[in-house]
Amino acid sequence: MAPIMDVHELSNLLQQLGFRVVSLLDLTREEMLAAIDKFIQLLDRGVYGLFYYAGHGCERAGRNYLVAVDAPQPYEPENCVCVQRIMLKMQERRTALSVILLDACRKWYKQQCIPSCIMPLGPTGNTVYGYATCEDAEAFEVQDGGKSTGIFTKYLNEHILQSEKVTHVLERVSEDLGKDPLVTGKQVVEIKHTLKEPRSLADPVRTTGHTKELRLRDACWRQANELPQKKRLMFRCGVEVEVSFSALFSNVLMAFATVKTTGLRTQDCTVTLSSIPTLEDIFSGPGRSEEMDTLLFQKSDNPDCTLRLCALQKLKGSLVIKVDLHYTHMDSRLRQTESKQMDIGKPLVASCKLYKRNHAKKQEGASGRSVGNISDGKAAQLHQTPGGPRRPFTRKAECAAQPAAARGNEPEENDETEQQDFTFRH
């Protein structure tokens, strides 16, 4: 549950900084790679790119791996997503700033494997890794004010709006986490960077001279964040019901139904919502629904009915909302039901067709203008996979870990010949 709250709060903060944010929950490996493809398309010269992940992770031969929800155990690289691959693709787009923030464990796993060769890019610089924990260590979750949160992201959210160099912000996070008695001797933030200019996440977005590029990126971002229009439905009995929508995440849509007017001969009106096809509510399990409801009802005006529509990335056709109105007819005193349907198409990230990842070779991105300390755009992608069920909570990848070899474990940023190839499309 903690990563869900982390993603929601961090998403709101990044939007305040001017980032175009896509936030996604509970993805398979193929869905993660497809989403990363879309993210890379938003990047170009002068753009600030930020990738955040909260969930299971592990480290192997100096590389960090993100564990998707469908990864079988024991975890193998071909079933996970390599973090250094993501940074490589961000660098290839010649971004003005590339940041990866990982709230995941880095326990060493199968360190006896032979490291692969490295074919680095030129020294482009301005890359930042912010790790929630150091090598061969776990990242913990805590209860904070009645909600669960990753302790790294707790302090990150407290400092991220500051207009300081991004590495200074992460240093403040590290210092605060280091003073927290709950993780003393268990978790320490690690920061790696190649900053050559004083980049800040709060740098203003420069639009002059970049209108075409901004419009293209904005159109791509809006595709994953477009909400259905609010609509009022008039039933035969004279009752009017308003159906509206809100996005908790880019792949989680909320539908609200509110009775606006009652008919002359109706009373005790209630509304129920359902969808065609039926989409699983990933928040309905024990310990998840209550915290999500606190987010939900901050966003609505006491509707008569709500419906959570999750995992929209799996939707292959149009989504239909079915509205059932139940009421008592004042003449017959009998309960009656009337129904109406709304076709809302492919909302939010469903329109991106992440289930149809393109495995074609990469295409060269459009040229852009280089900038100084001011960016001409910002893009952020946030991923979450479930945390572990243990107390104290950690985000460790469950595996039969082998003893670590006596060798250095520095991340190899620009590895082009990983034994298991991860292909990305621009």
Protein backbone atom coordinates (compact mmCIF):
# COMPACT_ATOMS: atom_id res chain seq x y z
CA MET A 1 0.00 0.00 0.00
CA ALA A 2 2.81 2.41 0.81
CA PRO A 3 4.08 2.81 -2.78
CA ILE A 4 0.56 3.79 -3.90
CA MET A 5 0.47 6.70 -1.47
CA ASP A 6 4.05 7.63 -2.41
CA VAL A 7 3.25 7.83 -6.11
CA HIS A 8 0.10 9.88 -5.55
CA GLU A 9 1.74 12.50 -3.34
CA LEU A 10 4.95 12.77 -5.38
CA SER A 11 2.92 13.11 -8.57
CA ASN A 12 1.09 16.13 -7.16
CA LEU A 13 4.35 17.75 -6.04
CA LEU A 14 6.04 17.26 -9.42
CA GLN A 15 3.07 18.83 -11.17
CA GLN A 16 3.53 21.88 -8.94
CA LEU A 17 7.10 22.07 -10.29
CA GLY A 18 5.81 22.14 -13.86
CA PHE A 19 6.43 18.49 -14.77
CA ARG A 20 4.16 16.60 -17.13
CA VAL A 21 3.55 13.49 -15.02
CA VAL A 22 2.43 9.98 -15.94
CA SER A 23 1.88 7.81 -12.84
CA LEU A 24 1.26 4.08 -13.24
CA LEU A 25 0.53 1.27 -10.78
CA ASP A 26 1.06 -2.49 -10.86
CA LEU A 27 2.52 -3.04 -14.33
CA THR A 28 3.80 -6.20 -15.95
CA ARG A 29 7.29 -6.12 -17.41
CA GLU A 30 6.01 -5.61 -20.95
CA GLU A 31 3.72 -2.81 -19.74
CA MET A 32 6.62 -1.18 -17.91
CA LEU A 33 8.82 -1.29 -21.00
CA ALA A 34 6.02 0.09 -23.17
CA ALA A 35 5.42 2.92 -20.70
CA ILE A 36 9.15 3.69 -20.66
CA ASP A 37 9.06 3.85 -24.48
CA LYS A 38 6.36 6.53 -24.21
CA PHE A 39 8.35 8.37 -21.55
CA ILE A 40 11.46 8.44 -23.73
CA GLN A 41 9.40 9.97 -26.55
CA LEU A 42 8.72 12.98 -24.31
CA LEU A 43 12.43 13.69 -23.88
CA ASP A 44 14.66 15.81 -26.09
CA ARG A 45 17.37 18.46 -25.88
CA GLY A 46 16.66 20.93 -23.10
CA VAL A 47 14.08 18.72 -21.36
CA TYR A 48 14.31 17.68 -17.71
CA GLY A 49 13.42 14.00 -17.38
CA LEU A 50 12.65 12.30 -14.06
CA PHE A 51 11.90 8.61 -13.55
CA TYR A 52 10.69 7.44 -10.12
CA TYR A 53 10.04 3.87 -9.01
CA ALA A 54 8.71 2.46 -5.75
CA GLY A 55 8.40 -1.26 -5.26
CA HIS A 56 10.43 -4.47 -5.32
CA GLY A 57 13.98 -4.27 -6.57
CA CYS A 58 17.33 -6.03 -6.40
CA GLU A 59 20.92 -5.55 -7.55
CA ARG A 60 22.99 -7.89 -9.66
CA ALA A 61 26.51 -7.43 -11.05
CA GLY A 62 26.39 -3.70 -10.44
CA ARG A 63 23.00 -3.14 -12.01
CA ASN A 64 19.67 -2.35 -10.42
CA TYR A 65 16.57 -4.24 -11.46
CA LEU A 66 12.91 -3.31 -11.08
CA VAL A 67 10.67 -6.30 -10.39
CA ALA A 68 7.40 -6.25 -12.31
CA VAL A 69 4.19 -7.75 -10.91
CA ASP A 70 4.43 -10.74 -13.26
CA ALA A 71 8.08 -11.57 -12.55
CA PRO A 72 8.42 -15.27 -11.63
CA GLN A 73 10.69 -16.38 -8.81
CA PRO A 74 13.61 -16.73 -8.67
CA TYR A 75 14.04 -13.33 -10.33
CA GLU A 76 16.11 -13.21 -13.52
CA PRO A 77 17.18 -10.14 -15.54
CA GLU A 78 15.03 -11.11 -18.52
CA ASN A 79 11.94 -10.89 -16.29
CA CYS A 80 12.84 -7.50 -14.78
CA VAL A 81 13.69 -3.99 -16.00
CA CYS A 82 17.26 -2.72 -15.84
CA VAL A 83 17.54 0.79 -14.35
CA GLN A 84 20.80 1.59 -16.12
CA ARG A 85 19.07 0.86 -19.44
CA ILE A 86 16.52 3.56 -18.64
CA MET A 87 19.24 6.10 -17.87
CA LEU A 88 21.06 5.21 -21.07
CA LYS A 89 17.97 5.95 -23.16
CA MET A 90 17.44 9.22 -21.31
CA GLN A 91 21.04 10.21 -22.06
CA GLU A 92 20.62 9.32 -25.73
CA ARG A 93 17.90 11.96 -25.96
CA ARG A 94 20.43 14.60 -24.83
CA THR A 95 18.26 15.84 -21.98
CA ALA A 96 19.33 18.86 -19.97
CA LEU A 97 18.81 16.82 -16.79
CA SER A 98 18.13 13.10 -16.27
CA VAL A 99 17.08 11.98 -12.79
CA ILE A 100 16.24 8.48 -11.58
CA LEU A 101 14.85 8.07 -8.05
CA LEU A 102 14.54 4.53 -6.69
CA ASP A 103 12.63 3.70 -3.51
CA ALA A 104 13.49 0.02 -3.72
CA CYS A 105 15.80 -2.50 -2.10
CA ARG A 106 19.27 -3.17 -3.49
CA LYS A 107 20.03 -6.56 -1.99
CA TRP A 108 22.73 -8.33 -3.97
CA TYR A 109 21.46 -11.23 -6.01
CA LYS A 110 23.51 -13.82 -7.92
CA GLN A 111 26.69 -11.76 -7.82
CA GLN A 112 28.72 -14.66 -9.18
CA CYS A 113 27.56 -13.89 -12.73
CA ILE A 114 30.13 -12.37 -15.10
CA PRO A 115 29.60 -8.65 -15.74
CA SER A 116 28.87 -7.83 -19.37
CA CYS A 117 30.93 -5.48 -21.54
CA ILE A 118 30.34 -1.72 -21.62
CA MET A 119 29.90 0.52 -24.65
CA PRO A 120 29.44 3.96 -23.11
CA LEU A 121 28.05 7.12 -24.63
CA GLY A 122 30.16 10.25 -24.63
CA PRO A 123 30.39 12.10 -21.31
CA THR A 124 27.11 14.02 -21.61
CA GLY A 125 26.78 14.69 -17.87
CA ASN A 126 23.82 16.03 -15.88
CA THR A 127 22.65 12.60 -14.72
CA VAL A 128 21.49 11.93 -11.16
CA TYR A 129 20.70 8.70 -9.33
CA GLY A 130 18.93 9.00 -5.99
CA TYR A 131 18.84 5.63 -4.23
CA ALA A 132 16.64 5.12 -1.17
CA THR A 133 19.29 2.81 0.26
CA CYS A 134 22.90 1.78 -0.24
CA GLU A 135 24.28 -1.36 -1.88
CA ASP A 136 23.15 -4.73 -0.52
CA ALA A 137 20.59 -3.07 1.78
CA GLU A 138 16.83 -2.83 2.12
CA ALA A 139 14.50 0.18 1.78
CA PHE A 140 11.88 0.42 4.51
CA GLU A 141 8.29 1.58 4.78
CA VAL A 142 6.84 3.17 7.89
CA GLN A 143 3.52 4.23 9.36
CA ASP A 144 3.35 8.03 9.28
CA GLY A 145 0.27 9.87 10.52
CA GLY A 146 -2.01 6.90 9.95
CA LYS A 147 -0.76 6.09 6.45
CA SER A 148 2.03 3.93 5.09
CA THR A 149 4.87 5.54 3.19
CA GLY A 150 8.34 4.68 2.01
CA ILE A 151 10.65 6.46 4.43
CA PHE A 152 12.86 7.73 1.59
CA THR A 153 9.88 9.19 -0.25
CA LYS A 154 8.53 10.66 3.00
CA TYR A 155 11.57 12.93 3.26
CA LEU A 156 11.82 13.39 -0.50
CA ASN A 157 8.31 14.86 -0.56
CA GLU A 158 9.27 17.27 2.22
CA HIS A 159 12.16 18.76 0.23
CA ILE A 160 11.42 18.29 -3.46
CA LEU A 161 9.77 21.69 -3.96
CA GLN A 162 12.89 23.55 -2.85
CA SER A 163 14.62 25.60 -5.55
CA GLU A 164 18.06 24.16 -4.82
CA LYS A 165 20.34 22.06 -6.97
CA VAL A 166 18.80 18.60 -7.22
CA THR A 167 21.79 16.98 -5.52
CA HIS A 168 21.45 19.39 -2.59
CA VAL A 169 17.79 18.41 -2.24
CA LEU A 170 18.79 14.74 -2.12
CA GLU A 171 21.48 15.54 0.44
CA ARG A 172 18.81 17.08 2.68
CA VAL A 173 16.73 13.94 2.24
CA SER A 174 19.76 11.85 3.18
CA GLU A 175 20.43 13.93 6.28
CA ASP A 176 16.83 13.72 7.50
CA LEU A 177 16.63 9.99 6.86
CA GLY A 178 19.94 9.53 8.67
CA LYS A 179 18.48 11.14 11.79
CA ASP A 180 15.38 8.92 11.79
CA PRO A 181 15.71 6.39 14.64
CA LEU A 182 13.44 3.91 12.86
CA VAL A 183 16.09 3.13 10.25
CA THR A 184 19.33 3.93 12.03
CA GLY A 185 21.91 1.37 10.95
CA LYS A 186 19.47 -0.14 8.43
CA GLN A 187 19.01 2.34 5.59
CA VAL A 188 21.23 5.10 4.17
CA VAL A 189 20.51 7.19 1.05
CA GLU A 190 23.05 6.98 -1.78
CA ILE A 191 23.49 9.70 -4.41
CA LYS A 192 25.44 9.36 -7.66
CA HIS A 193 25.62 12.15 -10.20
CA THR A 194 27.50 13.75 -13.08
CA LEU A 195 26.06 17.27 -12.74
CA LYS A 196 28.10 19.89 -14.56
CA GLU A 197 25.61 22.75 -14.08
CA PRO A 198 23.52 23.75 -11.05
CA ARG A 199 20.29 22.10 -12.21
CA SER A 200 17.20 22.34 -10.01
CA LEU A 201 13.86 20.55 -10.39
CA ALA A 202 12.28 23.95 -9.73
CA ASP A 203 13.94 25.63 -12.73
CA PRO A 204 11.30 27.49 -14.77
CA VAL A 205 10.17 26.07 -18.09
CA ARG A 206 11.26 28.18 -21.06
CA THR A 207 8.76 28.23 -23.94
CA THR A 208 10.18 30.95 -26.20
CA GLY A 209 11.39 29.45 -29.46
CA HIS A 210 10.21 25.95 -28.53
CA THR A 211 6.50 26.14 -29.40
CA LYS A 212 6.48 23.23 -31.87
CA GLU A 213 8.44 20.88 -29.60
CA LEU A 214 6.30 21.75 -26.59
CA ARG A 215 3.08 21.11 -28.50
CA LEU A 216 4.29 17.71 -29.65
CA ARG A 217 5.31 16.68 -26.14
CA ASP A 218 2.13 18.10 -24.65
CA ALA A 219 -0.01 16.13 -27.11
CA CYS A 220 1.84 12.91 -26.21
CA TRP A 221 1.41 13.61 -22.48
CA ARG A 222 -2.28 14.51 -22.81
CA GLN A 223 -2.92 11.22 -24.57
CA ALA A 224 -2.17 9.43 -21.29
CA ASN A 225 -4.10 11.87 -19.11
CA GLU A 226 -7.30 12.70 -20.99
CA LEU A 227 -10.44 12.34 -18.86
CA PRO A 228 -13.95 11.55 -20.16
CA GLN A 229 -16.34 14.49 -20.19
CA LYS A 230 -18.86 14.94 -17.40
CA LYS A 231 -22.40 14.08 -18.50
CA ARG A 232 -25.97 14.30 -17.18
CA LEU A 233 -28.34 11.41 -17.86
CA MET A 234 -32.12 11.89 -17.84
CA PHE A 235 -34.12 8.76 -16.93
CA ARG A 236 -37.72 8.08 -18.02
CA CYS A 237 -38.98 8.57 -14.46
CA GLY A 238 -37.71 12.16 -14.46
CA VAL A 239 -34.61 11.59 -12.35
CA GLU A 240 -31.41 13.27 -13.55
CA VAL A 241 -28.03 11.72 -12.67
CA GLU A 242 -24.67 13.37 -13.25
CA VAL A 243 -21.67 11.15 -14.02
CA SER A 244 -18.21 12.71 -13.64
CA PHE A 245 -14.64 11.45 -13.62
CA SER A 246 -11.33 11.97 -11.89
CA ALA A 247 -7.88 10.38 -12.28
CA LEU A 248 -6.13 9.05 -9.20
CA PHE A 249 -3.31 7.80 -11.41
CA SER A 250 -2.76 7.58 -15.15
CA ASN A 251 -4.15 4.04 -15.14
CA VAL A 252 -6.76 4.41 -12.38
CA LEU A 253 -10.00 6.23 -13.21
CA MET A 254 -12.67 7.22 -10.70
CA ALA A 255 -16.30 7.47 -11.82
CA PHE A 256 -18.81 9.38 -9.66
CA ALA A 257 -22.60 9.35 -9.91
CA THR A 258 -24.78 11.97 -8.20
CA VAL A 259 -28.57 12.32 -8.29
CA LYS A 260 -29.17 15.94 -9.32
CA THR A 261 -32.96 16.06 -9.59
CA THR A 262 -35.68 13.62 -8.55
CA GLY A 263 -38.87 12.88 -10.48
CA LEU A 264 -42.32 13.97 -9.37
CA ARG A 265 -43.37 10.40 -8.56
CA THR A 266 -40.07 8.96 -7.28
CA GLN A 267 -38.48 8.65 -3.86
CA ASP A 268 -35.57 6.87 -2.15
CA CYS A 269 -33.37 7.12 -5.25
CA THR A 270 -30.06 5.26 -5.28
CA VAL A 271 -27.48 4.78 -8.01
CA THR A 272 -25.04 1.97 -8.77
CA LEU A 273 -22.21 1.98 -11.31
CA SER A 274 -20.52 -0.85 -13.18
CA SER A 275 -18.31 -1.15 -16.23
CA ILE A 276 -18.24 -3.19 -19.43
CA PRO A 277 -15.83 -4.92 -19.50
CA THR A 278 -15.46 -5.40 -15.75
CA LEU A 279 -12.14 -4.04 -14.48
CA GLU A 280 -10.59 -5.41 -11.30
CA ASP A 281 -10.39 -3.05 -8.32
CA ILE A 282 -6.80 -3.55 -7.18
CA PHE A 283 -7.51 -1.51 -4.04
CA SER A 284 -10.30 -3.70 -2.70
CA GLY A 285 -7.99 -6.03 -0.74
CA PRO A 286 -7.39 -5.81 3.02
CA GLY A 287 -5.46 -2.72 4.07
CA ARG A 288 -5.63 -1.03 0.67
CA SER A 289 -9.19 0.26 0.26
CA GLU A 290 -9.34 2.43 3.40
CA GLU A 291 -6.30 4.54 2.52
CA MET A 292 -7.42 4.94 -1.08
CA ASP A 293 -10.83 6.10 0.09
CA THR A 294 -9.14 8.99 1.92
CA LEU A 295 -7.72 10.11 -1.43
CA LEU A 296 -10.99 9.48 -3.21
CA PHE A 297 -13.23 11.56 -1.02
CA GLN A 298 -10.85 14.50 -1.01
CA LYS A 299 -11.50 14.71 -4.74
CA SER A 300 -15.31 14.47 -4.81
CA ASP A 301 -18.35 16.25 -3.47
CA ASN A 302 -20.04 13.38 -1.62
CA PRO A 303 -21.34 11.46 -4.65
CA ASP A 304 -24.12 8.93 -4.34
CA CYS A 305 -21.95 6.22 -5.90
CA THR A 306 -18.31 5.73 -6.87
CA LEU A 307 -16.53 3.22 -9.07
CA ARG A 308 -12.76 2.57 -9.27
CA LEU A 309 -11.56 1.49 -12.69
CA CYS A 310 -8.03 0.09 -12.42
CA ALA A 311 -5.43 -1.35 -14.77
CA LEU A 312 -6.60 0.76 -17.71
CA GLN A 313 -3.39 -0.15 -19.56
CA LYS A 314 -4.93 -3.58 -20.22
CA LEU A 315 -8.06 -2.13 -21.89
CA LYS A 316 -8.15 -3.04 -25.60
CA GLY A 317 -11.55 -1.63 -26.58
CA SER A 318 -13.94 1.09 -25.50
CA LEU A 319 -15.01 1.27 -21.86
CA VAL A 320 -18.75 1.50 -21.15
CA ILE A 321 -20.13 2.81 -17.85
CA LYS A 322 -23.49 1.31 -16.86
CA VAL A 323 -25.64 3.49 -14.58
CA ASP A 324 -28.46 1.74 -12.71
CA LEU A 325 -31.05 3.95 -11.03
CA HIS A 326 -33.12 2.36 -8.25
CA TYR A 327 -36.16 4.16 -6.86
CA THR A 328 -39.56 3.67 -5.25
CA HIS A 329 -42.55 4.69 -7.36
CA MET A 330 -44.85 6.74 -5.16
CA ASP A 331 -48.05 5.32 -6.70
CA SER A 332 -47.26 1.60 -6.71
CA ARG A 333 -44.81 1.71 -3.74
CA LEU A 334 -42.69 -0.77 -5.68
CA ARG A 335 -38.91 -0.58 -6.17
CA GLN A 336 -38.02 -0.10 -9.79
CA THR A 337 -34.79 0.05 -11.79
CA GLU A 338 -33.85 1.94 -14.92
CA SER A 339 -30.49 1.70 -16.67
CA LYS A 340 -28.42 3.79 -19.05
CA GLN A 341 -24.99 3.31 -20.58
CA MET A 342 -22.14 5.70 -21.41
CA ASP A 343 -19.38 4.82 -23.87
CA ILE A 344 -16.31 6.72 -22.65
CA GLY A 345 -13.85 5.30 -25.18
CA LYS A 346 -10.28 4.63 -24.02
CA PRO A 347 -9.62 7.00 -21.11
CA LEU A 348 -6.23 7.99 -19.68
CA VAL A 349 -3.38 5.60 -20.46
CA ALA A 350 -5.71 3.12 -22.20
CA SER A 351 -5.35 5.25 -25.35
CA CYS A 352 -1.58 4.56 -25.39
CA LYS A 353 -2.05 0.82 -26.05
CA LEU A 354 0.73 -0.29 -23.74
CA TYR A 355 -0.28 -3.90 -24.38
CA LYS A 356 0.98 -3.49 -27.97
CA ARG A 357 4.58 -2.57 -27.36
CA ASN A 358 6.51 -1.82 -30.53
CA HIS A 359 9.69 -3.90 -30.71
CA ALA A 360 10.96 -2.13 -33.84
CA LYS A 361 14.38 -0.58 -33.94
CA LYS A 362 14.73 2.91 -32.53
CA GLN A 363 14.14 6.03 -34.61
CA GLU A 364 16.10 9.22 -34.28
CA GLY A 365 14.35 11.92 -32.29
CA ALA A 366 13.63 15.38 -33.65
CA SER A 367 16.37 17.89 -33.16
CA GLY A 368 15.94 20.49 -30.47
CA ARG A 369 17.70 23.49 -29.01
CA SER A 370 20.24 23.20 -26.24
CA VAL A 371 19.71 25.45 -23.26
CA GLY A 372 21.55 26.71 -20.21
CA ASN A 373 20.05 26.57 -16.75
CA ILE A 374 16.45 26.89 -17.93
CA SER A 375 14.61 23.90 -19.36
CA ASP A 376 12.20 24.01 -22.29
CA GLY A 377 10.11 21.19 -20.86
CA LYS A 378 9.80 18.68 -18.03
CA ALA A 379 8.60 15.09 -18.08
CA ALA A 380 8.26 12.65 -15.21
CA GLN A 381 7.23 9.03 -15.05
CA LEU A 382 6.33 7.30 -11.80
CA HIS A 383 6.03 3.54 -11.42
CA GLN A 384 4.82 1.45 -8.51
CA THR A 385 4.73 -2.25 -7.78
CA PRO A 386 3.46 -3.74 -4.52
CA GLY A 387 5.66 -3.69 -1.45
CA GLY A 388 6.26 -6.72 0.73
CA PRO A 389 3.76 -7.92 3.35
CA ARG A 390 6.25 -8.12 6.22
CA ARG A 391 6.73 -5.90 9.27
CA PRO A 392 8.88 -3.92 9.30
CA PHE A 393 7.94 -3.40 5.67
CA THR A 394 10.70 -3.57 3.06
CA ARG A 395 10.74 -3.54 -0.70
CA LYS A 396 13.19 -6.39 -1.06
CA ALA A 397 12.97 -8.68 -4.05
CA GLU A 398 12.23 -12.14 -2.69
CA CYS A 399 14.92 -14.49 -3.95
CA ALA A 400 17.35 -17.15 -2.85
CA ALA A 401 20.31 -14.80 -2.72
CA GLN A 402 23.79 -16.17 -3.33
CA PRO A 403 26.84 -14.93 -1.37
CA ALA A 404 28.20 -11.71 -2.81
CA ALA A 405 31.47 -11.88 -4.66
CA ALA A 406 34.37 -9.78 -3.41
CA ARG A 407 34.21 -7.08 -6.06
CA GLY A 408 33.16 -3.48 -6.56
CA ASN A 409 29.49 -2.86 -7.24
CA GLU A 410 29.35 0.50 -9.00
CA PRO A 411 26.38 0.85 -11.37
CA GLU A 412 27.43 0.55 -14.98
CA GLU A 413 25.39 3.33 -16.55
CA ASN A 414 25.97 2.79 -20.24
CA ASP A 415 25.94 -0.96 -20.82
CA GLU A 416 24.88 -1.71 -24.38
CA THR A 417 25.55 -5.46 -24.35
CA GLU A 418 23.55 -6.79 -21.45
CA GLN A 419 23.22 -10.55 -21.69
CA GLN A 420 19.45 -10.14 -21.69
CA ASP A 421 18.70 -7.35 -24.16
CA PHE A 422 16.15 -4.70 -23.21
CA THR A 423 14.99 -2.85 -26.34
CA PHE A 424 13.50 0.63 -26.24
CA ARG A 425 11.78 2.60 -28.98
CA HIS A 426 12.05 6.37 -29.31
